[in-house]
Amino acid sequence: MAINYTLSFVVATLFVLVAFFQLLLSLGYPLGEFAMGGYYKVLPKKLRIVSTINAIILLFMGVIFLQHTDAIKSFSFLPTNILTCIITVFLGVNTIANLISRSKKERFVMTPLSGITFILCLIIVLHKVN
């Protein structure tokens, strides 16, 4: 259980970092080439709203993993077994999407980040099942 506990903090930290990145995108920083296919250097207003929502979702995902490993106990009502499985599958698909992105910056930065996060989440999910 100690490995899951530690990994959940690593995963939550990665989610916070990506949430901060999404917040920067939503504020108009010229980092769009690293996200959402790399079509824009500065995201248009509608995609900035999407980035804000993404940031909130990412923070919630971190909370789910912390709750799942009992690192926090504030959200014990959450069905973390199913939510962590859904998030892990999403991260696997997201890693593939980043890998085939037309944006070289997204491929080289976000693919390893999502891939590492996917592997850590997979370890947590599989370790909790056993």
N, C-alpha and C. Protein backbone atom coordinates (compact mmCIF):
# COMPACT_ATOMS: atom_id res chain seq x y z
N MET A 1 0.82 -1.20 0.00
CA MET A 1 0.00 0.00 0.00
C MET A 1 0.86 1.26 0.00
N ALA A 2 2.05 1.19 0.58
CA ALA A 2 2.91 2.38 0.66
C ALA A 2 3.30 2.89 -0.73
N ILE A 3 3.50 1.96 -1.67
CA ILE A 3 3.85 2.38 -3.03
C ILE A 3 2.71 3.17 -3.66
N ASN A 4 1.49 2.70 -3.47
CA ASN A 4 0.34 3.41 -4.01
C ASN A 4 0.21 4.79 -3.39
N TYR A 5 0.42 4.86 -2.10
CA TYR A 5 0.33 6.13 -1.38
C TYR A 5 1.32 7.14 -1.97
N THR A 6 2.55 6.71 -2.14
CA THR A 6 3.60 7.58 -2.69
C THR A 6 3.29 7.94 -4.14
N LEU A 7 2.93 6.95 -4.94
CA LEU A 7 2.64 7.21 -6.35
C LEU A 7 1.46 8.14 -6.53
N SER A 8 0.49 8.07 -5.62
CA SER A 8 -0.67 8.96 -5.75
C SER A 8 -0.25 10.42 -5.59
N PHE A 9 0.74 10.69 -4.76
CA PHE A 9 1.24 12.06 -4.62
C PHE A 9 2.00 12.49 -5.88
N VAL A 10 2.74 11.57 -6.47
CA VAL A 10 3.44 11.88 -7.73
C VAL A 10 2.42 12.17 -8.83
N VAL A 11 1.40 11.32 -8.94
CA VAL A 11 0.35 11.50 -9.95
C VAL A 11 -0.38 12.82 -9.71
N ALA A 12 -0.76 13.09 -8.47
CA ALA A 12 -1.47 14.34 -8.16
C ALA A 12 -0.61 15.54 -8.51
N THR A 13 0.69 15.46 -8.24
CA THR A 13 1.60 16.56 -8.58
C THR A 13 1.66 16.76 -10.09
N LEU A 14 1.72 15.68 -10.85
CA LEU A 14 1.73 15.79 -12.31
C LEU A 14 0.43 16.43 -12.81
N PHE A 15 -0.70 16.02 -12.21
CA PHE A 15 -1.97 16.63 -12.60
C PHE A 15 -2.01 18.12 -12.27
N VAL A 16 -1.44 18.51 -11.13
CA VAL A 16 -1.39 19.93 -10.77
C VAL A 16 -0.53 20.70 -11.77
N LEU A 17 0.60 20.13 -12.15
CA LEU A 17 1.48 20.80 -13.13
C LEU A 17 0.78 20.99 -14.47
N VAL A 18 0.08 19.96 -14.93
CA VAL A 18 -0.63 20.08 -16.21
C VAL A 18 -1.81 21.06 -16.06
N ALA A 19 -2.45 21.06 -14.90
CA ALA A 19 -3.54 22.01 -14.65
C ALA A 19 -3.00 23.44 -14.70
N PHE A 20 -1.81 23.66 -14.14
CA PHE A 20 -1.19 24.99 -14.21
C PHE A 20 -0.90 25.37 -15.65
N PHE A 21 -0.40 24.41 -16.43
CA PHE A 21 -0.16 24.64 -17.86
C PHE A 21 -1.47 25.02 -18.55
N GLN A 22 -2.54 24.30 -18.24
CA GLN A 22 -3.85 24.61 -18.84
C GLN A 22 -4.32 26.01 -18.43
N LEU A 23 -4.04 26.37 -17.20
CA LEU A 23 -4.39 27.72 -16.73
C LEU A 23 -3.62 28.78 -17.52
N LEU A 24 -2.34 28.53 -17.76
CA LEU A 24 -1.54 29.46 -18.57
C LEU A 24 -2.13 29.59 -19.97
N LEU A 25 -2.54 28.47 -20.55
CA LEU A 25 -3.18 28.51 -21.87
C LEU A 25 -4.46 29.35 -21.82
N SER A 26 -5.24 29.16 -20.76
CA SER A 26 -6.51 29.89 -20.65
C SER A 26 -6.29 31.39 -20.46
N LEU A 27 -5.12 31.76 -19.97
CA LEU A 27 -4.81 33.18 -19.78
C LEU A 27 -4.17 33.81 -21.02
N GLY A 28 -4.00 33.01 -22.05
CA GLY A 28 -3.50 33.55 -23.31
C GLY A 28 -2.00 33.46 -23.52
N TYR A 29 -1.32 32.70 -22.68
CA TYR A 29 0.12 32.53 -22.90
C TYR A 29 0.35 31.75 -24.19
N PRO A 30 1.42 32.08 -24.92
CA PRO A 30 1.66 31.45 -26.24
C PRO A 30 2.24 30.05 -26.14
N LEU A 31 1.48 29.15 -25.57
CA LEU A 31 1.93 27.76 -25.38
C LEU A 31 1.03 26.77 -26.12
N GLY A 32 0.18 27.28 -26.98
CA GLY A 32 -0.80 26.44 -27.65
C GLY A 32 -0.21 25.36 -28.53
N GLU A 33 1.03 25.53 -28.96
CA GLU A 33 1.66 24.51 -29.80
C GLU A 33 1.93 23.21 -29.05
N PHE A 34 1.82 23.27 -27.72
CA PHE A 34 2.05 22.09 -26.89
C PHE A 34 0.76 21.36 -26.54
N ALA A 35 -0.37 21.86 -27.04
CA ALA A 35 -1.66 21.29 -26.62
C ALA A 35 -2.68 21.31 -27.75
N MET A 36 -3.67 20.45 -27.61
CA MET A 36 -4.84 20.44 -28.49
C MET A 36 -4.47 20.41 -29.98
N GLY A 37 -3.49 19.59 -30.30
CA GLY A 37 -3.08 19.44 -31.70
C GLY A 37 -2.08 20.47 -32.18
N GLY A 38 -1.79 21.48 -31.36
CA GLY A 38 -0.80 22.49 -31.72
C GLY A 38 -1.22 23.42 -32.84
N TYR A 39 -2.52 23.56 -33.05
CA TYR A 39 -3.01 24.39 -34.15
C TYR A 39 -2.84 25.88 -33.91
N TYR A 40 -2.77 26.29 -32.65
CA TYR A 40 -2.68 27.71 -32.31
C TYR A 40 -1.51 27.94 -31.38
N LYS A 41 -0.83 29.07 -31.59
CA LYS A 41 0.21 29.47 -30.64
C LYS A 41 -0.47 30.03 -29.39
N VAL A 42 -1.45 30.92 -29.60
CA VAL A 42 -2.29 31.45 -28.52
C VAL A 42 -3.69 30.93 -28.80
N LEU A 43 -4.27 30.28 -27.80
CA LEU A 43 -5.59 29.68 -28.00
C LEU A 43 -6.67 30.75 -28.19
N PRO A 44 -7.62 30.49 -29.09
CA PRO A 44 -8.77 31.40 -29.23
C PRO A 44 -9.64 31.30 -27.97
N LYS A 45 -10.53 32.27 -27.82
CA LYS A 45 -11.32 32.39 -26.59
C LYS A 45 -12.06 31.10 -26.22
N LYS A 46 -12.70 30.44 -27.18
CA LYS A 46 -13.44 29.22 -26.87
C LYS A 46 -12.53 28.13 -26.33
N LEU A 47 -11.34 27.99 -26.89
CA LEU A 47 -10.41 26.98 -26.40
C LEU A 47 -9.79 27.38 -25.06
N ARG A 48 -9.74 28.67 -24.78
CA ARG A 48 -9.28 29.10 -23.46
C ARG A 48 -10.27 28.66 -22.39
N ILE A 49 -11.55 28.70 -22.73
CA ILE A 49 -12.57 28.23 -21.79
C ILE A 49 -12.41 26.72 -21.58
N VAL A 50 -12.14 26.00 -22.66
CA VAL A 50 -11.90 24.55 -22.56
C VAL A 50 -10.69 24.29 -21.66
N SER A 51 -9.64 25.09 -21.81
CA SER A 51 -8.45 24.92 -20.97
C SER A 51 -8.76 25.15 -19.50
N THR A 52 -9.61 26.11 -19.21
CA THR A 52 -10.00 26.36 -17.82
C THR A 52 -10.73 25.15 -17.26
N ILE A 53 -11.64 24.60 -18.04
CA ILE A 53 -12.38 23.40 -17.62
C ILE A 53 -11.43 22.23 -17.46
N ASN A 54 -10.48 22.09 -18.38
CA ASN A 54 -9.48 21.03 -18.29
C ASN A 54 -8.69 21.13 -16.98
N ALA A 55 -8.31 22.34 -16.62
CA ALA A 55 -7.55 22.55 -15.38
C ALA A 55 -8.33 22.07 -14.17
N ILE A 56 -9.61 22.40 -14.13
CA ILE A 56 -10.47 21.97 -13.01
C ILE A 56 -10.59 20.46 -12.97
N ILE A 57 -10.78 19.84 -14.14
CA ILE A 57 -10.90 18.38 -14.22
C ILE A 57 -9.61 17.71 -13.76
N LEU A 58 -8.48 18.26 -14.18
CA LEU A 58 -7.19 17.69 -13.78
C LEU A 58 -6.99 17.74 -12.27
N LEU A 59 -7.39 18.83 -11.65
CA LEU A 59 -7.28 18.92 -10.19
C LEU A 59 -8.18 17.88 -9.52
N PHE A 60 -9.37 17.71 -10.05
CA PHE A 60 -10.30 16.70 -9.53
C PHE A 60 -9.71 15.30 -9.70
N MET A 61 -9.05 15.05 -10.82
CA MET A 61 -8.42 13.75 -11.05
C MET A 61 -7.35 13.48 -9.99
N GLY A 62 -6.59 14.49 -9.65
CA GLY A 62 -5.59 14.34 -8.59
C GLY A 62 -6.24 13.98 -7.26
N VAL A 63 -7.33 14.64 -6.94
CA VAL A 63 -8.07 14.35 -5.71
C VAL A 63 -8.56 12.90 -5.71
N ILE A 64 -9.04 12.44 -6.84
CA ILE A 64 -9.54 11.06 -6.95
C ILE A 64 -8.44 10.06 -6.62
N PHE A 65 -7.25 10.27 -7.17
CA PHE A 65 -6.16 9.33 -6.89
C PHE A 65 -5.69 9.41 -5.44
N LEU A 66 -5.66 10.60 -4.88
CA LEU A 66 -5.29 10.74 -3.47
C LEU A 66 -6.33 10.06 -2.57
N GLN A 67 -7.59 10.20 -2.91
CA GLN A 67 -8.65 9.54 -2.14
C GLN A 67 -8.57 8.02 -2.31
N HIS A 68 -8.29 7.60 -3.52
CA HIS A 68 -8.23 6.17 -3.83
C HIS A 68 -7.19 5.45 -2.97
N THR A 69 -6.09 6.12 -2.68
CA THR A 69 -5.00 5.51 -1.89
C THR A 69 -5.08 5.91 -0.42
N ASP A 70 -6.18 6.55 -0.04
CA ASP A 70 -6.40 6.99 1.34
C ASP A 70 -5.38 8.03 1.82
N ALA A 71 -4.79 8.74 0.87
CA ALA A 71 -3.90 9.85 1.24
C ALA A 71 -4.72 11.01 1.80
N ILE A 72 -5.94 11.13 1.32
CA ILE A 72 -6.92 12.06 1.89
C ILE A 72 -8.20 11.28 2.16
N LYS A 73 -9.00 11.78 3.05
CA LYS A 73 -10.22 11.05 3.40
C LYS A 73 -11.47 11.93 3.32
N SER A 74 -11.34 13.07 2.68
CA SER A 74 -12.44 14.03 2.61
C SER A 74 -13.53 13.65 1.63
N PHE A 75 -13.20 12.84 0.65
CA PHE A 75 -14.14 12.53 -0.43
C PHE A 75 -14.41 11.02 -0.49
N SER A 76 -14.66 10.42 0.65
CA SER A 76 -14.83 8.97 0.72
C SER A 76 -16.09 8.48 -0.01
N PHE A 77 -16.97 9.40 -0.36
CA PHE A 77 -18.19 9.04 -1.09
C PHE A 77 -17.93 8.77 -2.57
N LEU A 78 -16.76 9.16 -3.06
CA LEU A 78 -16.45 8.99 -4.48
C LEU A 78 -16.19 7.51 -4.81
N PRO A 79 -16.72 7.05 -5.93
CA PRO A 79 -16.44 5.66 -6.36
C PRO A 79 -15.07 5.59 -7.04
N THR A 80 -14.02 5.64 -6.22
CA THR A 80 -12.67 5.79 -6.78
C THR A 80 -12.20 4.59 -7.59
N ASN A 81 -12.68 3.39 -7.29
CA ASN A 81 -12.24 2.23 -8.08
C ASN A 81 -12.59 2.41 -9.55
N ILE A 82 -13.81 2.78 -9.82
CA ILE A 82 -14.23 2.96 -11.22
C ILE A 82 -13.63 4.23 -11.82
N LEU A 83 -13.57 5.31 -11.03
CA LEU A 83 -13.04 6.58 -11.55
C LEU A 83 -11.55 6.47 -11.90
N THR A 84 -10.77 5.78 -11.08
CA THR A 84 -9.35 5.63 -11.40
C THR A 84 -9.16 4.78 -12.65
N CYS A 85 -10.01 3.78 -12.83
CA CYS A 85 -9.93 2.96 -14.06
C CYS A 85 -10.26 3.80 -15.29
N ILE A 86 -11.30 4.61 -15.20
CA ILE A 86 -11.69 5.48 -16.32
C ILE A 86 -10.58 6.47 -16.65
N ILE A 87 -10.02 7.10 -15.61
CA ILE A 87 -8.94 8.08 -15.82
C ILE A 87 -7.72 7.40 -16.45
N THR A 88 -7.40 6.21 -15.99
CA THR A 88 -6.23 5.50 -16.51
C THR A 88 -6.41 5.15 -17.98
N VAL A 89 -7.59 4.66 -18.34
CA VAL A 89 -7.86 4.36 -19.75
C VAL A 89 -7.79 5.65 -20.58
N PHE A 90 -8.37 6.73 -20.06
CA PHE A 90 -8.31 8.02 -20.75
C PHE A 90 -6.86 8.43 -20.99
N LEU A 91 -6.01 8.28 -19.98
CA LEU A 91 -4.60 8.67 -20.13
C LEU A 91 -3.89 7.82 -21.18
N GLY A 92 -4.25 6.54 -21.26
CA GLY A 92 -3.68 5.69 -22.31
C GLY A 92 -4.06 6.17 -23.69
N VAL A 93 -5.34 6.50 -23.87
CA VAL A 93 -5.82 7.03 -25.16
C VAL A 93 -5.19 8.39 -25.43
N ASN A 94 -5.08 9.22 -24.40
CA ASN A 94 -4.49 10.55 -24.53
C ASN A 94 -3.02 10.44 -24.96
N THR A 95 -2.32 9.47 -24.43
CA THR A 95 -0.91 9.28 -24.80
C THR A 95 -0.80 8.94 -26.28
N ILE A 96 -1.68 8.08 -26.77
CA ILE A 96 -1.68 7.73 -28.19
C ILE A 96 -2.00 8.96 -29.04
N ALA A 97 -3.00 9.74 -28.61
CA ALA A 97 -3.37 10.95 -29.34
C ALA A 97 -2.21 11.94 -29.39
N ASN A 98 -1.51 12.10 -28.28
CA ASN A 98 -0.35 13.00 -28.26
C ASN A 98 0.74 12.48 -29.19
N LEU A 99 0.90 11.17 -29.23
CA LEU A 99 1.94 10.57 -30.06
C LEU A 99 1.71 10.81 -31.54
N ILE A 100 0.44 10.88 -31.96
CA ILE A 100 0.15 11.08 -33.38
C ILE A 100 -0.22 12.54 -33.70
N SER A 101 -0.02 13.43 -32.75
CA SER A 101 -0.32 14.84 -32.97
C SER A 101 0.54 15.39 -34.10
N ARG A 102 -0.02 16.34 -34.84
CA ARG A 102 0.76 16.98 -35.91
C ARG A 102 1.80 17.94 -35.33
N SER A 103 1.62 18.32 -34.07
CA SER A 103 2.53 19.24 -33.41
C SER A 103 3.74 18.50 -32.84
N LYS A 104 4.90 18.84 -33.35
CA LYS A 104 6.14 18.22 -32.86
C LYS A 104 6.34 18.53 -31.38
N LYS A 105 6.01 19.75 -30.96
CA LYS A 105 6.18 20.13 -29.56
C LYS A 105 5.27 19.31 -28.66
N GLU A 106 4.04 19.10 -29.09
CA GLU A 106 3.12 18.29 -28.30
C GLU A 106 3.61 16.84 -28.22
N ARG A 107 4.07 16.31 -29.34
CA ARG A 107 4.57 14.93 -29.35
C ARG A 107 5.75 14.74 -28.39
N PHE A 108 6.69 15.69 -28.42
CA PHE A 108 7.91 15.50 -27.63
C PHE A 108 7.78 15.89 -26.17
N VAL A 109 6.80 16.69 -25.82
CA VAL A 109 6.63 17.10 -24.42
C VAL A 109 5.46 16.38 -23.76
N MET A 110 4.31 16.44 -24.40
CA MET A 110 3.11 15.91 -23.76
C MET A 110 3.00 14.38 -23.84
N THR A 111 3.55 13.76 -24.88
CA THR A 111 3.49 12.30 -24.97
C THR A 111 4.22 11.64 -23.80
N PRO A 112 5.47 12.02 -23.52
CA PRO A 112 6.13 11.39 -22.37
C PRO A 112 5.42 11.72 -21.04
N LEU A 113 4.94 12.94 -20.91
CA LEU A 113 4.25 13.33 -19.68
C LEU A 113 2.99 12.50 -19.47
N SER A 114 2.16 12.38 -20.50
CA SER A 114 0.94 11.59 -20.35
C SER A 114 1.26 10.10 -20.25
N GLY A 115 2.30 9.66 -20.94
CA GLY A 115 2.69 8.26 -20.88
C GLY A 115 3.17 7.85 -19.49
N ILE A 116 4.00 8.68 -18.90
CA ILE A 116 4.49 8.40 -17.54
C ILE A 116 3.32 8.43 -16.55
N THR A 117 2.46 9.40 -16.69
CA THR A 117 1.30 9.49 -15.80
C THR A 117 0.41 8.26 -15.98
N PHE A 118 0.20 7.84 -17.21
CA PHE A 118 -0.58 6.63 -17.49
C PHE A 118 0.01 5.41 -16.78
N ILE A 119 1.32 5.23 -16.90
CA ILE A 119 1.98 4.07 -16.28
C ILE A 119 1.84 4.12 -14.76
N LEU A 120 2.04 5.29 -14.17
CA LEU A 120 1.91 5.42 -12.71
C LEU A 120 0.47 5.13 -12.27
N CYS A 121 -0.49 5.65 -13.02
CA CYS A 121 -1.90 5.39 -12.69
C CYS A 121 -2.23 3.92 -12.84
N LEU A 122 -1.69 3.29 -13.87
CA LEU A 122 -1.92 1.86 -14.09
C LEU A 122 -1.36 1.04 -12.93
N ILE A 123 -0.20 1.40 -12.45
CA ILE A 123 0.39 0.71 -11.29
C ILE A 123 -0.52 0.85 -10.08
N ILE A 124 -1.01 2.06 -9.86
CA ILE A 124 -1.91 2.30 -8.71
C ILE A 124 -3.17 1.45 -8.84
N VAL A 125 -3.78 1.48 -10.02
CA VAL A 125 -5.04 0.75 -10.24
C VAL A 125 -4.81 -0.76 -10.07
N LEU A 126 -3.77 -1.29 -10.69
CA LEU A 126 -3.53 -2.73 -10.62
C LEU A 126 -3.10 -3.17 -9.22
N HIS A 127 -2.33 -2.33 -8.55
CA HIS A 127 -1.87 -2.67 -7.21
C HIS A 127 -3.03 -2.67 -6.21
N LYS A 128 -3.98 -1.78 -6.41
CA LYS A 128 -5.15 -1.70 -5.51
C LYS A 128 -6.06 -2.90 -5.71
N VAL A 129 -6.13 -3.43 -6.93
CA VAL A 129 -7.00 -4.56 -7.23
C VAL A 129 -6.50 -5.82 -6.52
N ASN A 130 -5.18 -6.01 -6.47
CA ASN A 130 -4.61 -7.22 -5.85
C ASN A 130 -4.65 -7.18 -4.36
